[in-house]
Amino acid sequence: MTYPIADPSVRTNAVIESARGLHAVQGFDPEDAVQLTAYQEYVKNCLVQLVAMYACSKRYLKIPEAADYSGHSRSALYEAHKRGELIFTKFGGATRIEKADLDAFLDSTGVKIEAAE
């Protein structure tokens, strides 16, 4: 499934149109390159969070979704699988990672550090 927001031209146009809407409400200047760049970064971060929230609601994640969710690269996930640290599930030719398996992998590999007092 392809989402329109994945197309860079659609994404850029959507950000500019959104910025124009802000101009009407908050005096945001969509022609100001610095403001527009900062706003594009803000929108990008919002989209990443939305993708992560969507991924959280699914039981099985595609590899790119698992990479976004975990913060690891796709190649790092494949390497963890080769080392036997992460379980992949195959559905026909499709490779998926069960969210519970990914969470277990993240819990086992992460190091929790308490703040110094």
PDB file of N, CA and C in Angstrom:
ATOM      1  N   MET A   1       0.841  -1.168   0.000  1.00  0.00           N
ATOM      2  CA  MET A   1       0.000   0.000   0.000  1.00  0.00           C
ATOM      3  C   MET A   1       0.892   1.238   0.000  1.00  0.00           C
ATOM      4  N   THR A   2       0.594   2.192  -0.866  1.00  0.00           N
ATOM      5  CA  THR A   2       1.357   3.424  -0.936  1.00  0.00           C
ATOM      6  C   THR A   2       0.507   4.560  -0.388  1.00  0.00           C
ATOM      7  N   TYR A   3       1.097   5.344   0.449  1.00  0.00           N
ATOM      8  CA  TYR A   3       0.398   6.485   1.011  1.00  0.00           C
ATOM      9  C   TYR A   3       0.835   7.744   0.277  1.00  0.00           C
ATOM     10  N   PRO A   4      -0.091   8.659  -0.023  1.00  0.00           N
ATOM     11  CA  PRO A   4       0.281   9.865  -0.758  1.00  0.00           C
ATOM     12  C   PRO A   4       1.374  10.661  -0.074  1.00  0.00           C
ATOM     13  N   ILE A   5       1.415  10.626   1.260  1.00  0.00           N
ATOM     14  CA  ILE A   5       2.393  11.422   1.989  1.00  0.00           C
ATOM     15  C   ILE A   5       3.813  10.906   1.740  1.00  0.00           C
ATOM     16  N   ALA A   6       3.944   9.662   1.229  1.00  0.00           N
ATOM     17  CA  ALA A   6       5.274   9.112   0.948  1.00  0.00           C
ATOM     18  C   ALA A   6       5.894   9.764  -0.274  1.00  0.00           C
ATOM     19  N   ASP A   7       5.082  10.338  -1.151  1.00  0.00           N
ATOM     20  CA  ASP A   7       5.577  11.020  -2.342  1.00  0.00           C
ATOM     21  C   ASP A   7       6.144  12.369  -1.909  1.00  0.00           C
ATOM     22  N   PRO A   8       7.450  12.623  -2.124  1.00  0.00           N
ATOM     23  CA  PRO A   8       8.057  13.869  -1.645  1.00  0.00           C
ATOM     24  C   PRO A   8       7.374  15.122  -2.170  1.00  0.00           C
ATOM     25  N   SER A   9       6.915  15.111  -3.426  1.00  0.00           N
ATOM     26  CA  SER A   9       6.277  16.316  -3.959  1.00  0.00           C
ATOM     27  C   SER A   9       4.956  16.579  -3.258  1.00  0.00           C
ATOM     28  N   VAL A  10       4.199  15.515  -2.977  1.00  0.00           N
ATOM     29  CA  VAL A  10       2.938  15.676  -2.261  1.00  0.00           C
ATOM     30  C   VAL A  10       3.218  16.146  -0.845  1.00  0.00           C
ATOM     31  N   ARG A  11       4.232  15.551  -0.223  1.00  0.00           N
ATOM     32  CA  ARG A  11       4.582  15.905   1.150  1.00  0.00           C
ATOM     33  C   ARG A  11       4.999  17.375   1.227  1.00  0.00           C
ATOM     34  N   THR A  12       5.835  17.832   0.306  1.00  0.00           N
ATOM     35  CA  THR A  12       6.282  19.223   0.316  1.00  0.00           C
ATOM     36  C   THR A  12       5.117  20.169   0.093  1.00  0.00           C
ATOM     37  N   ASN A  13       4.258  19.843  -0.867  1.00  0.00           N
ATOM     38  CA  ASN A  13       3.090  20.686  -1.125  1.00  0.00           C
ATOM     39  C   ASN A  13       2.168  20.721   0.084  1.00  0.00           C
ATOM     40  N   ALA A  14       1.997  19.586   0.751  1.00  0.00           N
ATOM     41  CA  ALA A  14       1.141  19.530   1.934  1.00  0.00           C
ATOM     42  C   ALA A  14       1.717  20.399   3.046  1.00  0.00           C
ATOM     43  N   VAL A  15       3.029  20.369   3.209  1.00  0.00           N
ATOM     44  CA  VAL A  15       3.669  21.190   4.243  1.00  0.00           C
ATOM     45  C   VAL A  15       3.492  22.662   3.921  1.00  0.00           C
ATOM     46  N   ILE A  16       3.674  23.036   2.655  1.00  0.00           N
ATOM     47  CA  ILE A  16       3.525  24.442   2.267  1.00  0.00           C
ATOM     48  C   ILE A  16       2.086  24.896   2.470  1.00  0.00           C
ATOM     49  N   GLU A  17       1.128  24.065   2.061  1.00  0.00           N
ATOM     50  CA  GLU A  17      -0.280  24.431   2.253  1.00  0.00           C
ATOM     51  C   GLU A  17      -0.605  24.545   3.743  1.00  0.00           C
ATOM     52  N   SER A  18      -0.066  23.633   4.534  1.00  0.00           N
ATOM     53  CA  SER A  18      -0.278  23.682   5.971  1.00  0.00           C
ATOM     54  C   SER A  18       0.337  24.954   6.550  1.00  0.00           C
ATOM     55  N   ALA A  19       1.522  25.315   6.067  1.00  0.00           N
ATOM     56  CA  ALA A  19       2.194  26.535   6.522  1.00  0.00           C
ATOM     57  C   ALA A  19       1.372  27.761   6.152  1.00  0.00           C
ATOM     58  N   ARG A  20       0.759  27.755   4.979  1.00  0.00           N
ATOM     59  CA  ARG A  20      -0.099  28.879   4.581  1.00  0.00           C
ATOM     60  C   ARG A  20      -1.296  28.989   5.520  1.00  0.00           C
ATOM     61  N   GLY A  21      -1.830  27.853   5.946  1.00  0.00           N
ATOM     62  CA  GLY A  21      -2.917  27.870   6.911  1.00  0.00           C
ATOM     63  C   GLY A  21      -2.473  28.475   8.238  1.00  0.00           C
ATOM     64  N   LEU A  22      -1.233  28.154   8.657  1.00  0.00           N
ATOM     65  CA  LEU A  22      -0.698  28.744   9.881  1.00  0.00           C
ATOM     66  C   LEU A  22      -0.545  30.251   9.739  1.00  0.00           C
ATOM     67  N   HIS A  23      -0.179  30.696   8.531  1.00  0.00           N
ATOM     68  CA  HIS A  23      -0.009  32.125   8.274  1.00  0.00           C
ATOM     69  C   HIS A  23      -1.309  32.866   8.573  1.00  0.00           C
ATOM     70  N   ALA A  24      -2.406  32.289   8.140  1.00  0.00           N
ATOM     71  CA  ALA A  24      -3.706  32.936   8.359  1.00  0.00           C
ATOM     72  C   ALA A  24      -4.063  32.989   9.843  1.00  0.00           C
ATOM     73  N   VAL A  25      -3.635  31.982  10.599  1.00  0.00           N
ATOM     74  CA  VAL A  25      -4.014  31.904  12.010  1.00  0.00           C
ATOM     75  C   VAL A  25      -2.982  32.567  12.929  1.00  0.00           C
ATOM     76  N   GLN A  26      -1.694  32.296  12.692  1.00  0.00           N
ATOM     77  CA  GLN A  26      -0.660  32.710  13.645  1.00  0.00           C
ATOM     78  C   GLN A  26       0.367  33.673  13.068  1.00  0.00           C
ATOM     79  N   GLY A  27       0.177  34.159  11.862  1.00  0.00           N
ATOM     80  CA  GLY A  27       1.155  35.066  11.272  1.00  0.00           C
ATOM     81  C   GLY A  27       2.406  34.373  10.785  1.00  0.00           C
ATOM     82  N   PHE A  28       2.351  33.057  10.608  1.00  0.00           N
ATOM     83  CA  PHE A  28       3.486  32.282  10.091  1.00  0.00           C
ATOM     84  C   PHE A  28       3.731  32.677   8.637  1.00  0.00           C
ATOM     85  N   ASP A  29       4.967  32.920   8.261  1.00  0.00           N
ATOM     86  CA  ASP A  29       5.292  33.332   6.895  1.00  0.00           C
ATOM     87  C   ASP A  29       5.829  32.142   6.104  1.00  0.00           C
ATOM     88  N   PRO A  30       5.003  31.532   5.211  1.00  0.00           N
ATOM     89  CA  PRO A  30       5.461  30.364   4.455  1.00  0.00           C
ATOM     90  C   PRO A  30       6.547  30.684   3.434  1.00  0.00           C
ATOM     91  N   GLU A  31       6.778  31.969   3.182  1.00  0.00           N
ATOM     92  CA  GLU A  31       7.843  32.352   2.250  1.00  0.00           C
ATOM     93  C   GLU A  31       9.184  32.501   2.953  1.00  0.00           C
ATOM     94  N   ASP A  32       9.187  32.522   4.280  1.00  0.00           N
ATOM     95  CA  ASP A  32      10.421  32.622   5.060  1.00  0.00           C
ATOM     96  C   ASP A  32      11.070  31.238   5.095  1.00  0.00           C
ATOM     97  N   ALA A  33      12.223  31.102   4.453  1.00  0.00           N
ATOM     98  CA  ALA A  33      12.880  29.798   4.309  1.00  0.00           C
ATOM     99  C   ALA A  33      13.222  29.174   5.659  1.00  0.00           C
ATOM    100  N   VAL A  34      13.646  29.968   6.620  1.00  0.00           N
ATOM    101  CA  VAL A  34      14.023  29.433   7.934  1.00  0.00           C
ATOM    102  C   VAL A  34      12.793  28.886   8.639  1.00  0.00           C
ATOM    103  N   GLN A  35      11.704  29.664   8.630  1.00  0.00           N
ATOM    104  CA  GLN A  35      10.471  29.196   9.265  1.00  0.00           C
ATOM    105  C   GLN A  35       9.938  27.952   8.561  1.00  0.00           C
ATOM    106  N   LEU A  36       9.999  27.953   7.229  1.00  0.00           N
ATOM    107  CA  LEU A  36       9.475  26.815   6.480  1.00  0.00           C
ATOM    108  C   LEU A  36      10.299  25.561   6.751  1.00  0.00           C
ATOM    109  N   THR A  37      11.613  25.692   6.810  1.00  0.00           N
ATOM    110  CA  THR A  37      12.479  24.542   7.100  1.00  0.00           C
ATOM    111  C   THR A  37      12.192  23.989   8.501  1.00  0.00           C
ATOM    112  N   ALA A  38      12.038  24.874   9.463  1.00  0.00           N
ATOM    113  CA  ALA A  38      11.734  24.435  10.831  1.00  0.00           C
ATOM    114  C   ALA A  38      10.365  23.750  10.868  1.00  0.00           C
ATOM    115  N   TYR A  39       9.423  24.302  10.122  1.00  0.00           N
ATOM    116  CA  TYR A  39       8.084  23.714  10.105  1.00  0.00           C
ATOM    117  C   TYR A  39       8.095  22.359   9.404  1.00  0.00           C
ATOM    118  N   GLN A  40       8.881  22.226   8.324  1.00  0.00           N
ATOM    119  CA  GLN A  40       9.000  20.932   7.638  1.00  0.00           C
ATOM    120  C   GLN A  40       9.568  19.884   8.584  1.00  0.00           C
ATOM    121  N   GLU A  41      10.548  20.246   9.380  1.00  0.00           N
ATOM    122  CA  GLU A  41      11.141  19.312  10.346  1.00  0.00           C
ATOM    123  C   GLU A  41      10.103  18.914  11.396  1.00  0.00           C
ATOM    124  N   TYR A  42       9.319  19.882  11.840  1.00  0.00           N
ATOM    125  CA  TYR A  42       8.258  19.612  12.813  1.00  0.00           C
ATOM    126  C   TYR A  42       7.238  18.633  12.235  1.00  0.00           C
ATOM    127  N   VAL A  43       6.809  18.875  11.002  1.00  0.00           N
ATOM    128  CA  VAL A  43       5.829  17.997  10.357  1.00  0.00           C
ATOM    129  C   VAL A  43       6.416  16.601  10.176  1.00  0.00           C
ATOM    130  N   LYS A  44       7.690  16.525   9.771  1.00  0.00           N
ATOM    131  CA  LYS A  44       8.351  15.228   9.601  1.00  0.00           C
ATOM    132  C   LYS A  44       8.347  14.448  10.910  1.00  0.00           C
ATOM    133  N   ASN A  45       8.673  15.116  12.014  1.00  0.00           N
ATOM    134  CA  ASN A  45       8.668  14.452  13.322  1.00  0.00           C
ATOM    135  C   ASN A  45       7.274  13.976  13.699  1.00  0.00           C
ATOM    136  N   CYS A  46       6.264  14.790  13.377  1.00  0.00           N
ATOM    137  CA  CYS A  46       4.880  14.384  13.651  1.00  0.00           C
ATOM    138  C   CYS A  46       4.518  13.137  12.858  1.00  0.00           C
ATOM    139  N   LEU A  47       4.934  13.085  11.590  1.00  0.00           N
ATOM    140  CA  LEU A  47       4.633  11.924  10.755  1.00  0.00           C
ATOM    141  C   LEU A  47       5.329  10.674  11.276  1.00  0.00           C
ATOM    142  N   VAL A  48       6.569  10.810  11.718  1.00  0.00           N
ATOM    143  CA  VAL A  48       7.296   9.672  12.283  1.00  0.00           C
ATOM    144  C   VAL A  48       6.562   9.147  13.514  1.00  0.00           C
ATOM    145  N   GLN A  49       6.070  10.057  14.350  1.00  0.00           N
ATOM    146  CA  GLN A  49       5.330   9.637  15.544  1.00  0.00           C
ATOM    147  C   GLN A  49       4.026   8.954  15.176  1.00  0.00           C
ATOM    148  N   LEU A  50       3.348   9.461  14.135  1.00  0.00           N
ATOM    149  CA  LEU A  50       2.101   8.833  13.691  1.00  0.00           C
ATOM    150  C   LEU A  50       2.352   7.429  13.161  1.00  0.00           C
ATOM    151  N   VAL A  51       3.427   7.262  12.395  1.00  0.00           N
ATOM    152  CA  VAL A  51       3.772   5.939  11.872  1.00  0.00           C
ATOM    153  C   VAL A  51       4.063   4.991  13.030  1.00  0.00           C
ATOM    154  N   ALA A  52       4.796   5.472  14.030  1.00  0.00           N
ATOM    155  CA  ALA A  52       5.112   4.635  15.191  1.00  0.00           C
ATOM    156  C   ALA A  52       3.847   4.266  15.957  1.00  0.00           C
ATOM    157  N   MET A  53       2.919   5.219  16.087  1.00  0.00           N
ATOM    158  CA  MET A  53       1.662   4.926  16.782  1.00  0.00           C
ATOM    159  C   MET A  53       0.853   3.894  15.997  1.00  0.00           C
ATOM    160  N   TYR A  54       0.833   4.018  14.670  1.00  0.00           N
ATOM    161  CA  TYR A  54       0.118   3.055  13.838  1.00  0.00           C
ATOM    162  C   TYR A  54       0.760   1.677  13.972  1.00  0.00           C
ATOM    163  N   ALA A  55       2.088   1.642  13.971  1.00  0.00           N
ATOM    164  CA  ALA A  55       2.796   0.373  14.093  1.00  0.00           C
ATOM    165  C   ALA A  55       2.497  -0.286  15.440  1.00  0.00           C
ATOM    166  N   CYS A  56       2.310   0.520  16.476  1.00  0.00           N
ATOM    167  CA  CYS A  56       2.038  -0.027  17.804  1.00  0.00           C
ATOM    168  C   CYS A  56       0.711  -0.773  17.853  1.00  0.00           C
ATOM    169  N   SER A  57      -0.209  -0.432  16.967  1.00  0.00           N
ATOM    170  CA  SER A  57      -1.527  -1.052  16.997  1.00  0.00           C
ATOM    171  C   SER A  57      -1.581  -2.357  16.204  1.00  0.00           C
ATOM    172  N   LYS A  58      -0.507  -2.682  15.503  1.00  0.00           N
ATOM    173  CA  LYS A  58      -0.478  -3.899  14.695  1.00  0.00           C
ATOM    174  C   LYS A  58       0.263  -5.012  15.428  1.00  0.00           C
ATOM    175  N   ARG A  59      -0.131  -6.252  15.162  1.00  0.00           N
ATOM    176  CA  ARG A  59       0.556  -7.381  15.782  1.00  0.00           C
ATOM    177  C   ARG A  59       1.844  -7.710  15.044  1.00  0.00           C
ATOM    178  N   TYR A  60       1.805  -7.699  13.715  1.00  0.00           N
ATOM    179  CA  TYR A  60       2.986  -8.000  12.900  1.00  0.00           C
ATOM    180  C   TYR A  60       3.408  -6.751  12.142  1.00  0.00           C
ATOM    181  N   LEU A  61       4.704  -6.477  12.170  1.00  0.00           N
ATOM    182  CA  LEU A  61       5.250  -5.295  11.513  1.00  0.00           C
ATOM    183  C   LEU A  61       6.075  -5.690  10.300  1.00  0.00           C
ATOM    184  N   LYS A  62       6.000  -4.895   9.253  1.00  0.00           N
ATOM    185  CA  LYS A  62       6.919  -5.039   8.132  1.00  0.00           C
ATOM    186  C   LYS A  62       8.283  -4.576   8.624  1.00  0.00           C
ATOM    187  N   ILE A  63       9.326  -4.989   7.920  1.00  0.00           N
ATOM    188  CA  ILE A  63      10.687  -4.651   8.365  1.00  0.00           C
ATOM    189  C   ILE A  63      10.874  -3.130   8.478  1.00  0.00           C
ATOM    190  N   PRO A  64      10.469  -2.329   7.472  1.00  0.00           N
ATOM    191  CA  PRO A  64      10.633  -0.878   7.636  1.00  0.00           C
ATOM    192  C   PRO A  64       9.834  -0.308   8.812  1.00  0.00           C
ATOM    193  N   GLU A  65       8.652  -0.855   9.066  1.00  0.00           N
ATOM    194  CA  GLU A  65       7.858  -0.416  10.214  1.00  0.00           C
ATOM    195  C   GLU A  65       8.571  -0.769  11.517  1.00  0.00           C
ATOM    196  N   ALA A  66       9.144  -1.965  11.568  1.00  0.00           N
ATOM    197  CA  ALA A  66       9.882  -2.385  12.760  1.00  0.00           C
ATOM    198  C   ALA A  66      11.106  -1.502  12.976  1.00  0.00           C
ATOM    199  N   ALA A  67      11.748  -1.102  11.878  1.00  0.00           N
ATOM    200  CA  ALA A  67      12.906  -0.209  11.986  1.00  0.00           C
ATOM    201  C   ALA A  67      12.480   1.146  12.539  1.00  0.00           C
ATOM    202  N   ASP A  68      11.383   1.695  12.035  1.00  0.00           N
ATOM    203  CA  ASP A  68      10.881   2.975  12.550  1.00  0.00           C
ATOM    204  C   ASP A  68      10.495   2.860  14.019  1.00  0.00           C
ATOM    205  N   TYR A  69       9.806   1.789  14.346  1.00  0.00           N
ATOM    206  CA  TYR A  69       9.323   1.577  15.720  1.00  0.00           C
ATOM    207  C   TYR A  69      10.494   1.438  16.697  1.00  0.00           C
ATOM    208  N   SER A  70      11.514   0.673  16.282  1.00  0.00           N
ATOM    209  CA  SER A  70      12.606   0.353  17.203  1.00  0.00           C
ATOM    210  C   SER A  70      13.722   1.392  17.223  1.00  0.00           C
ATOM    211  N   GLY A  71      13.820   2.166  16.143  1.00  0.00           N
ATOM    212  CA  GLY A  71      14.938   3.106  16.043  1.00  0.00           C
ATOM    213  C   GLY A  71      16.201   2.463  15.502  1.00  0.00           C
ATOM    214  N   HIS A  72      16.135   1.184  15.162  1.00  0.00           N
ATOM    215  CA  HIS A  72      17.265   0.475  14.564  1.00  0.00           C
ATOM    216  C   HIS A  72      17.126   0.509  13.047  1.00  0.00           C
ATOM    217  N   SER A  73      18.233   0.345  12.350  1.00  0.00           N
ATOM    218  CA  SER A  73      18.165   0.278  10.894  1.00  0.00           C
ATOM    219  C   SER A  73      17.631  -1.085  10.473  1.00  0.00           C
ATOM    220  N   ARG A  74      17.176  -1.165   9.230  1.00  0.00           N
ATOM    221  CA  ARG A  74      16.707  -2.455   8.710  1.00  0.00           C
ATOM    222  C   ARG A  74      17.826  -3.478   8.749  1.00  0.00           C
ATOM    223  N   SER A  75      19.034  -3.059   8.367  1.00  0.00           N
ATOM    224  CA  SER A  75      20.150  -4.008   8.353  1.00  0.00           C
ATOM    225  C   SER A  75      20.485  -4.495   9.765  1.00  0.00           C
ATOM    226  N   ALA A  76      20.337  -3.633  10.758  1.00  0.00           N
ATOM    227  CA  ALA A  76      20.584  -4.061  12.148  1.00  0.00           C
ATOM    228  C   ALA A  76      19.571  -5.116  12.566  1.00  0.00           C
ATOM    229  N   LEU A  77      18.321  -4.984  12.114  1.00  0.00           N
ATOM    230  CA  LEU A  77      17.306  -5.988  12.440  1.00  0.00           C
ATOM    231  C   LEU A  77      17.626  -7.317  11.757  1.00  0.00           C
ATOM    232  N   TYR A  78      18.041  -7.261  10.500  1.00  0.00           N
ATOM    233  CA  TYR A  78      18.420  -8.492   9.789  1.00  0.00           C
ATOM    234  C   TYR A  78      19.624  -9.153  10.465  1.00  0.00           C
ATOM    235  N   GLU A  79      20.597  -8.347  10.898  1.00  0.00           N
ATOM    236  CA  GLU A  79      21.771  -8.904  11.571  1.00  0.00           C
ATOM    237  C   GLU A  79      21.380  -9.559  12.900  1.00  0.00           C
ATOM    238  N   ALA A  80      20.476  -8.932  13.633  1.00  0.00           N
ATOM    239  CA  ALA A  80      20.001  -9.507  14.894  1.00  0.00           C
ATOM    240  C   ALA A  80      19.300 -10.837  14.627  1.00  0.00           C
ATOM    241  N   HIS A  81      18.567 -10.919  13.529  1.00  0.00           N
ATOM    242  CA  HIS A  81      17.902 -12.169  13.154  1.00  0.00           C
ATOM    243  C   HIS A  81      18.934 -13.249  12.833  1.00  0.00           C
ATOM    244  N   LYS A  82      19.982 -12.882  12.086  1.00  0.00           N
ATOM    245  CA  LYS A  82      21.030 -13.852  11.733  1.00  0.00           C
ATOM    246  C   LYS A  82      21.750 -14.374  12.975  1.00  0.00           C
ATOM    247  N   ARG A  83      21.900 -13.513  13.993  1.00  0.00           N
ATOM    248  CA  ARG A  83      22.554 -13.926  15.246  1.00  0.00           C
ATOM    249  C   ARG A  83      21.605 -14.707  16.149  1.00  0.00           C
ATOM    250  N   GLY A  84      20.340 -14.816  15.761  1.00  0.00           N
ATOM    251  CA  GLY A  84      19.365 -15.545  16.566  1.00  0.00           C
ATOM    252  C   GLY A  84      18.762 -14.722  17.692  1.00  0.00           C
ATOM    253  N   GLU A  85      18.938 -13.416  17.651  1.00  0.00           N
ATOM    254  CA  GLU A  85      18.434 -12.548  18.716  1.00  0.00           C
ATOM    255  C   GLU A  85      17.018 -12.042  18.436  1.00  0.00           C
ATOM    256  N   LEU A  86      16.570 -12.140  17.186  1.00  0.00           N
ATOM    257  CA  LEU A  86      15.273 -11.606  16.797  1.00  0.00           C
ATOM    258  C   LEU A  86      14.576 -12.605  15.887  1.00  0.00           C
ATOM    259  N   ILE A  87      13.325 -12.905  16.188  1.00  0.00           N
ATOM    260  CA  ILE A  87      12.560 -13.889  15.419  1.00  0.00           C
ATOM    261  C   ILE A  87      11.789 -13.193  14.308  1.00  0.00           C
ATOM    262  N   PHE A  88      11.913 -13.721  13.096  1.00  0.00           N
ATOM    263  CA  PHE A  88      11.109 -13.258  11.963  1.00  0.00           C
ATOM    264  C   PHE A  88      10.011 -14.277  11.723  1.00  0.00           C
ATOM    265  N   THR A  89       8.902 -13.825  11.192  1.00  0.00           N
ATOM    266  CA  THR A  89       7.791 -14.704  10.829  1.00  0.00           C
ATOM    267  C   THR A  89       7.539 -14.534   9.346  1.00  0.00           C
ATOM    268  N   LYS A  90       7.409 -15.643   8.626  1.00  0.00           N
ATOM    269  CA  LYS A  90       7.143 -15.598   7.186  1.00  0.00           C
ATOM    270  C   LYS A  90       5.683 -15.922   6.927  1.00  0.00           C
ATOM    271  N   PHE A  91       5.063 -15.107   6.097  1.00  0.00           N
ATOM    272  CA  PHE A  91       3.719 -15.356   5.580  1.00  0.00           C
ATOM    273  C   PHE A  91       3.867 -15.426   4.073  1.00  0.00           C
ATOM    274  N   GLY A  92       3.994 -16.646   3.553  1.00  0.00           N
ATOM    275  CA  GLY A  92       4.309 -16.788   2.134  1.00  0.00           C
ATOM    276  C   GLY A  92       5.683 -16.200   1.896  1.00  0.00           C
ATOM    277  N   GLY A  93       5.762 -15.205   1.020  1.00  0.00           N
ATOM    278  CA  GLY A  93       7.041 -14.548   0.758  1.00  0.00           C
ATOM    279  C   GLY A  93       7.260 -13.307   1.599  1.00  0.00           C
ATOM    280  N   ALA A  94       6.285 -12.948   2.423  1.00  0.00           N
ATOM    281  CA  ALA A  94       6.380 -11.727   3.216  1.00  0.00           C
ATOM    282  C   ALA A  94       7.039 -11.997   4.565  1.00  0.00           C
ATOM    283  N   THR A  95       8.022 -11.184   4.901  1.00  0.00           N
ATOM    284  CA  THR A  95       8.709 -11.292   6.183  1.00  0.00           C
ATOM    285  C   THR A  95       8.127 -10.257   7.130  1.00  0.00           C
ATOM    286  N   ARG A  96       7.763 -10.703   8.315  1.00  0.00           N
ATOM    287  CA  ARG A  96       7.198  -9.821   9.329  1.00  0.00           C
ATOM    288  C   ARG A  96       7.892 -10.096  10.662  1.00  0.00           C
ATOM    289  N   ILE A  97       7.788  -9.120  11.550  1.00  0.00           N
ATOM    290  CA  ILE A  97       8.297  -9.281  12.912  1.00  0.00           C
ATOM    291  C   ILE A  97       7.118  -9.060  13.847  1.00  0.00           C
ATOM    292  N   GLU A  98       6.859 -10.042  14.684  1.00  0.00           N
ATOM    293  CA  GLU A  98       5.780  -9.875  15.651  1.00  0.00           C
ATOM    294  C   GLU A  98       6.212  -8.817  16.666  1.00  0.00           C
ATOM    295  N   LYS A  99       5.313  -7.895  16.970  1.00  0.00           N
ATOM    296  CA  LYS A  99       5.644  -6.787  17.856  1.00  0.00           C
ATOM    297  C   LYS A  99       6.157  -7.282  19.201  1.00  0.00           C
ATOM    298  N   ALA A 100       5.567  -8.335  19.722  1.00  0.00           N
ATOM    299  CA  ALA A 100       6.017  -8.885  21.012  1.00  0.00           C
ATOM    300  C   ALA A 100       7.462  -9.369  20.921  1.00  0.00           C
ATOM    301  N   ASP A 101       7.839  -9.988  19.794  1.00  0.00           N
ATOM    302  CA  ASP A 101       9.225 -10.440  19.604  1.00  0.00           C
ATOM    303  C   ASP A 101      10.171  -9.251  19.505  1.00  0.00           C
ATOM    304  N   LEU A 102       9.734  -8.201  18.820  1.00  0.00           N
ATOM    305  CA  LEU A 102      10.568  -7.006  18.696  1.00  0.00           C
ATOM    306  C   LEU A 102      10.740  -6.330  20.055  1.00  0.00           C
ATOM    307  N   ASP A 103       9.653  -6.244  20.824  1.00  0.00           N
ATOM    308  CA  ASP A 103       9.750  -5.663  22.167  1.00  0.00           C
ATOM    309  C   ASP A 103      10.690  -6.471  23.054  1.00  0.00           C
ATOM    310  N   ALA A 104      10.613  -7.793  22.957  1.00  0.00           N
ATOM    311  CA  ALA A 104      11.504  -8.654  23.752  1.00  0.00           C
ATOM    312  C   ALA A 104      12.961  -8.432  23.346  1.00  0.00           C
ATOM    313  N   PHE A 105      13.197  -8.320  22.045  1.00  0.00           N
ATOM    314  CA  PHE A 105      14.556  -8.051  21.550  1.00  0.00           C
ATOM    315  C   PHE A 105      15.057  -6.714  22.089  1.00  0.00           C
ATOM    316  N   LEU A 106      14.221  -5.685  22.012  1.00  0.00           N
ATOM    317  CA  LEU A 106      14.631  -4.365  22.487  1.00  0.00           C
ATOM    318  C   LEU A 106      14.898  -4.374  23.984  1.00  0.00           C
ATOM    319  N   ASP A 107      14.057  -5.085  24.739  1.00  0.00           N
ATOM    320  CA  ASP A 107      14.260  -5.173  26.192  1.00  0.00           C
ATOM    321  C   ASP A 107      15.559  -5.895  26.536  1.00  0.00           C
ATOM    322  N   SER A 108      15.901  -6.904  25.734  1.00  0.00           N
ATOM    323  CA  SER A 108      17.096  -7.696  26.038  1.00  0.00           C
ATOM    324  C   SER A 108      18.393  -7.001  25.609  1.00  0.00           C
ATOM    325  N   THR A 109      18.318  -6.105  24.654  1.00  0.00           N
ATOM    326  CA  THR A 109      19.544  -5.481  24.146  1.00  0.00           C
ATOM    327  C   THR A 109      19.791  -4.088  24.715  1.00  0.00           C
ATOM    328  N   GLY A 110      18.749  -3.455  25.163  1.00  0.00           N
ATOM    329  CA  GLY A 110      18.908  -2.107  25.700  1.00  0.00           C
ATOM    330  C   GLY A 110      19.543  -2.125  27.069  1.00  0.00           C
ATOM    331  N   VAL A 111      20.291  -1.078  27.361  1.00  0.00           N
ATOM    332  CA  VAL A 111      20.918  -0.920  28.667  1.00  0.00           C
ATOM    333  C   VAL A 111      20.284   0.292  29.324  1.00  0.00           C
ATOM    334  N   LYS A 112      19.655   0.083  30.467  1.00  0.00           N
ATOM    335  CA  LYS A 112      19.018   1.187  31.177  1.00  0.00           C
ATOM    336  C   LYS A 112      20.040   1.833  32.098  1.00  0.00           C
ATOM    337  N   ILE A 113      20.104   3.152  32.026  1.00  0.00           N
ATOM    338  CA  ILE A 113      21.076   3.896  32.827  1.00  0.00           C
ATOM    339  C   ILE A 113      20.306   4.920  33.644  1.00  0.00           C
ATOM    340  N   GLU A 114      20.515   4.874  34.949  1.00  0.00           N
ATOM    341  CA  GLU A 114      19.852   5.844  35.818  1.00  0.00           C
ATOM    342  C   GLU A 114      20.632   7.154  35.811  1.00  0.00           C
ATOM    343  N   ALA A 115      19.906   8.219  36.007  1.00  0.00           N
ATOM    344  CA  ALA A 115      20.547   9.542  36.054  1.00  0.00           C
ATOM    345  C   ALA A 115      21.432   9.655  37.296  1.00  0.00           C
ATOM    346  N   ALA A 116      22.539  10.312  37.117  1.00  0.00           N
ATOM    347  CA  ALA A 116      23.444  10.552  38.252  1.00  0.00           C
ATOM    348  C   ALA A 116      22.845  11.623  39.144  1.00  0.00           C
ATOM    349  N   GLU A 117      23.013  11.469  40.419  1.00  0.00           N
ATOM    350  CA  GLU A 117      22.462  12.453  41.361  1.00  0.00           C
ATOM    351  C   GLU A 117      23.455  13.500  41.717  1.00  0.00           C
TER     352      GLU A 117
END
